[in-house]
Structure formats: C-alpha cells, structure tokens
Amino acid sequence: MTARTPMFLMANLGSDISQVFMHLERKEELQAASVAGRVRRTIAELMVHSDLTGRTGEIEILRTVIDDALSEKRHLDVSRKELEDYFMPFSMRVLEQTL
C-alpha cells in the first residue's frame, strides 16, 4: 500500500469535515457521528505522519473544532463555509497533481 501524503489526507479530511457539518445542519446526528469517525481516524494518521513531525498544531485545532461541533453545547463559531474555504487549497493541489 502506498503511503498517503499529508496533502492527500488534508484534502480528504476537508471533504469529511464538510460532510459532518452538512449532517449537523440537517439534524442528522447519527450520520454526523459516523463521518466524524473517519475524521478522527484521518486526524490520528496526520498527527503521526513523519512529514508533519513538530508541525501538527493546525491538526490539533481541527480536532478541537470537530469535537466542539459534535458537543451538545458549542463554544466555537466556525461555519462549514469557513472550513471549506480553509481546505480548498489542499483539494486543488491534490487535483493538480493528478492531472
């Protein structure tokens, strides 16, 4: 199996996080929780990725954002649009690499 690059993982993470927020907006808590499981696995993979050693601060913030979004009482005001905007450059780079 080929190792997945941080860029690839971030692009996929962005897609999954967008899905979490979409399900939450639709009040589909079970679906949001299911996708959040994929988000947590990807975050865990990024946290130990050799290319990111010592540079995981942003990943930790993303984990906090997801945990907050899934909590009963949210403390952070982060929208799906803001997260989609954040992840777009990762997706575009991965797309450019495949063309």
C-alpha atoms as a PDB file:
ATOM      1  CA  MET A   1       0.000   0.000   0.000  1.00  0.00           C
ATOM      2  CA  THR A   2       1.302   3.447  -0.908  1.00  0.00           C
ATOM      3  CA  ALA A   3       1.712   5.912   1.935  1.00  0.00           C
ATOM      4  CA  ARG A   4      -0.826   8.713   1.796  1.00  0.00           C
ATOM      5  CA  THR A   5       0.695  12.187   1.685  1.00  0.00           C
ATOM      6  CA  PRO A   6      -0.325  14.912   4.131  1.00  0.00           C
ATOM      7  CA  MET A   7      -1.762  16.880   1.189  1.00  0.00           C
ATOM      8  CA  PHE A   8      -3.966  13.938   0.188  1.00  0.00           C
ATOM      9  CA  LEU A   9      -5.031  13.363   3.793  1.00  0.00           C
ATOM     10  CA  MET A  10      -5.892  17.052   4.276  1.00  0.00           C
ATOM     11  CA  ALA A  11      -7.980  17.117   1.086  1.00  0.00           C
ATOM     12  CA  ASN A  12      -9.930  14.079   2.259  1.00  0.00           C
ATOM     13  CA  LEU A  13     -10.219  15.495   5.753  1.00  0.00           C
ATOM     14  CA  GLY A  14     -11.772  18.639   4.305  1.00  0.00           C
ATOM     15  CA  SER A  15     -14.383  16.616   2.450  1.00  0.00           C
ATOM     16  CA  ASP A  16     -15.269  14.620   5.546  1.00  0.00           C
ATOM     17  CA  ILE A  17     -15.435  17.682   7.793  1.00  0.00           C
ATOM     18  CA  SER A  18     -17.754  19.361   5.308  1.00  0.00           C
ATOM     19  CA  GLN A  19     -19.981  16.272   5.457  1.00  0.00           C
ATOM     20  CA  VAL A  20     -20.028  16.372   9.262  1.00  0.00           C
ATOM     21  CA  PHE A  21     -21.241  19.967   9.222  1.00  0.00           C
ATOM     22  CA  MET A  22     -23.790  19.236   6.481  1.00  0.00           C
ATOM     23  CA  HIS A  23     -25.275  16.396   8.562  1.00  0.00           C
ATOM     24  CA  LEU A  24     -25.326  18.573  11.664  1.00  0.00           C
ATOM     25  CA  GLU A  25     -27.143  21.333   9.767  1.00  0.00           C
ATOM     26  CA  ARG A  26     -29.737  18.748   8.720  1.00  0.00           C
ATOM     27  CA  LYS A  27     -30.032  17.453  12.306  1.00  0.00           C
ATOM     28  CA  GLU A  28     -28.698  14.047  11.193  1.00  0.00           C
ATOM     29  CA  GLU A  29     -26.683  13.303  14.311  1.00  0.00           C
ATOM     30  CA  LEU A  30     -26.059   9.601  13.593  1.00  0.00           C
ATOM     31  CA  GLN A  31     -24.673  10.317  10.136  1.00  0.00           C
ATOM     32  CA  ALA A  32     -22.548  13.169  11.513  1.00  0.00           C
ATOM     33  CA  ALA A  33     -21.125  10.856  14.170  1.00  0.00           C
ATOM     34  CA  SER A  34     -20.341   8.201  11.556  1.00  0.00           C
ATOM     35  CA  VAL A  35     -18.427  10.626   9.344  1.00  0.00           C
ATOM     36  CA  ALA A  36     -16.747  12.084  12.428  1.00  0.00           C
ATOM     37  CA  GLY A  37     -15.237   8.641  12.998  1.00  0.00           C
ATOM     38  CA  ARG A  38     -13.465   8.923   9.620  1.00  0.00           C
ATOM     39  CA  VAL A  39     -12.375  12.451  10.531  1.00  0.00           C
ATOM     40  CA  ARG A  40     -10.840  11.241  13.788  1.00  0.00           C
ATOM     41  CA  ARG A  41      -9.003   8.386  12.029  1.00  0.00           C
ATOM     42  CA  THR A  42      -7.574  10.778   9.442  1.00  0.00           C
ATOM     43  CA  ILE A  43      -6.554  13.252  12.135  1.00  0.00           C
ATOM     44  CA  ALA A  44      -4.830  10.449  14.041  1.00  0.00           C
ATOM     45  CA  GLU A  45      -2.952   9.474  10.874  1.00  0.00           C
ATOM     46  CA  LEU A  46      -1.878  13.075  10.288  1.00  0.00           C
ATOM     47  CA  MET A  47      -0.726  13.500  13.894  1.00  0.00           C
ATOM     48  CA  VAL A  48       1.856  10.709  13.499  1.00  0.00           C
ATOM     49  CA  HIS A  49       2.796  11.320   9.856  1.00  0.00           C
ATOM     50  CA  SER A  50       6.576  11.554   9.535  1.00  0.00           C
ATOM     51  CA  ASP A  51       6.328  14.597   7.215  1.00  0.00           C
ATOM     52  CA  LEU A  52       4.484  16.565   9.909  1.00  0.00           C
ATOM     53  CA  THR A  53       6.710  15.912  12.896  1.00  0.00           C
ATOM     54  CA  GLY A  54       6.589  19.009  15.090  1.00  0.00           C
ATOM     55  CA  ARG A  55       4.023  20.707  12.820  1.00  0.00           C
ATOM     56  CA  THR A  56       0.681  19.373  13.997  1.00  0.00           C
ATOM     57  CA  GLY A  57      -0.733  22.498  15.631  1.00  0.00           C
ATOM     58  CA  GLU A  58      -3.293  23.095  12.885  1.00  0.00           C
ATOM     59  CA  ILE A  59      -4.386  19.462  13.034  1.00  0.00           C
ATOM     60  CA  GLU A  60      -4.958  19.765  16.781  1.00  0.00           C
ATOM     61  CA  ILE A  61      -7.082  22.866  16.187  1.00  0.00           C
ATOM     62  CA  LEU A  62      -9.158  20.989  13.613  1.00  0.00           C
ATOM     63  CA  ARG A  63      -9.709  18.196  16.123  1.00  0.00           C
ATOM     64  CA  THR A  64     -10.934  20.792  18.634  1.00  0.00           C
ATOM     65  CA  VAL A  65     -13.303  22.286  16.045  1.00  0.00           C
ATOM     66  CA  ILE A  66     -14.832  18.873  15.273  1.00  0.00           C
ATOM     67  CA  ASP A  67     -15.150  17.929  18.940  1.00  0.00           C
ATOM     68  CA  ASP A  68     -16.865  21.254  19.599  1.00  0.00           C
ATOM     69  CA  ALA A  69     -19.231  20.868  16.626  1.00  0.00           C
ATOM     70  CA  LEU A  70     -20.331  17.472  17.931  1.00  0.00           C
ATOM     71  CA  SER A  71     -20.785  18.625  21.512  1.00  0.00           C
ATOM     72  CA  GLU A  72     -24.186  19.426  22.959  1.00  0.00           C
ATOM     73  CA  LYS A  73     -23.164  22.995  23.696  1.00  0.00           C
ATOM     74  CA  ARG A  74     -20.891  24.607  21.128  1.00  0.00           C
ATOM     75  CA  HIS A  75     -18.328  27.183  22.178  1.00  0.00           C
ATOM     76  CA  LEU A  76     -16.748  27.890  18.796  1.00  0.00           C
ATOM     77  CA  ASP A  77     -18.361  29.787  15.949  1.00  0.00           C
ATOM     78  CA  VAL A  78     -16.924  28.033  12.902  1.00  0.00           C
ATOM     79  CA  SER A  79     -19.072  27.532   9.820  1.00  0.00           C
ATOM     80  CA  ARG A  80     -18.991  24.864   7.167  1.00  0.00           C
ATOM     81  CA  LYS A  81     -18.186  27.572   4.585  1.00  0.00           C
ATOM     82  CA  GLU A  82     -15.166  28.751   6.572  1.00  0.00           C
ATOM     83  CA  LEU A  83     -13.845  25.205   6.782  1.00  0.00           C
ATOM     84  CA  GLU A  84     -14.490  24.537   3.103  1.00  0.00           C
ATOM     85  CA  ASP A  85     -12.549  27.711   2.262  1.00  0.00           C
ATOM     86  CA  TYR A  86      -9.689  26.552   4.510  1.00  0.00           C
ATOM     87  CA  PHE A  87      -9.479  23.138   2.844  1.00  0.00           C
ATOM     88  CA  MET A  88      -9.900  24.258  -0.777  1.00  0.00           C
ATOM     89  CA  PRO A  89      -6.166  24.829  -1.437  1.00  0.00           C
ATOM     90  CA  PHE A  90      -5.381  21.276  -0.305  1.00  0.00           C
ATOM     91  CA  SER A  91      -8.017  19.866  -2.632  1.00  0.00           C
ATOM     92  CA  MET A  92      -6.811  21.972  -5.544  1.00  0.00           C
ATOM     93  CA  ARG A  93      -3.189  20.868  -5.075  1.00  0.00           C
ATOM     94  CA  VAL A  94      -4.161  17.216  -4.969  1.00  0.00           C
ATOM     95  CA  LEU A  95      -6.278  17.676  -8.099  1.00  0.00           C
ATOM     96  CA  GLU A  96      -3.401  19.417  -9.910  1.00  0.00           C
ATOM     97  CA  GLN A  97      -1.054  16.568  -9.004  1.00  0.00           C
ATOM     98  CA  THR A  98      -3.400  14.006 -10.555  1.00  0.00           C
ATOM     99  CA  LEU A  99      -3.810  15.823 -13.884  1.00  0.00           C
END
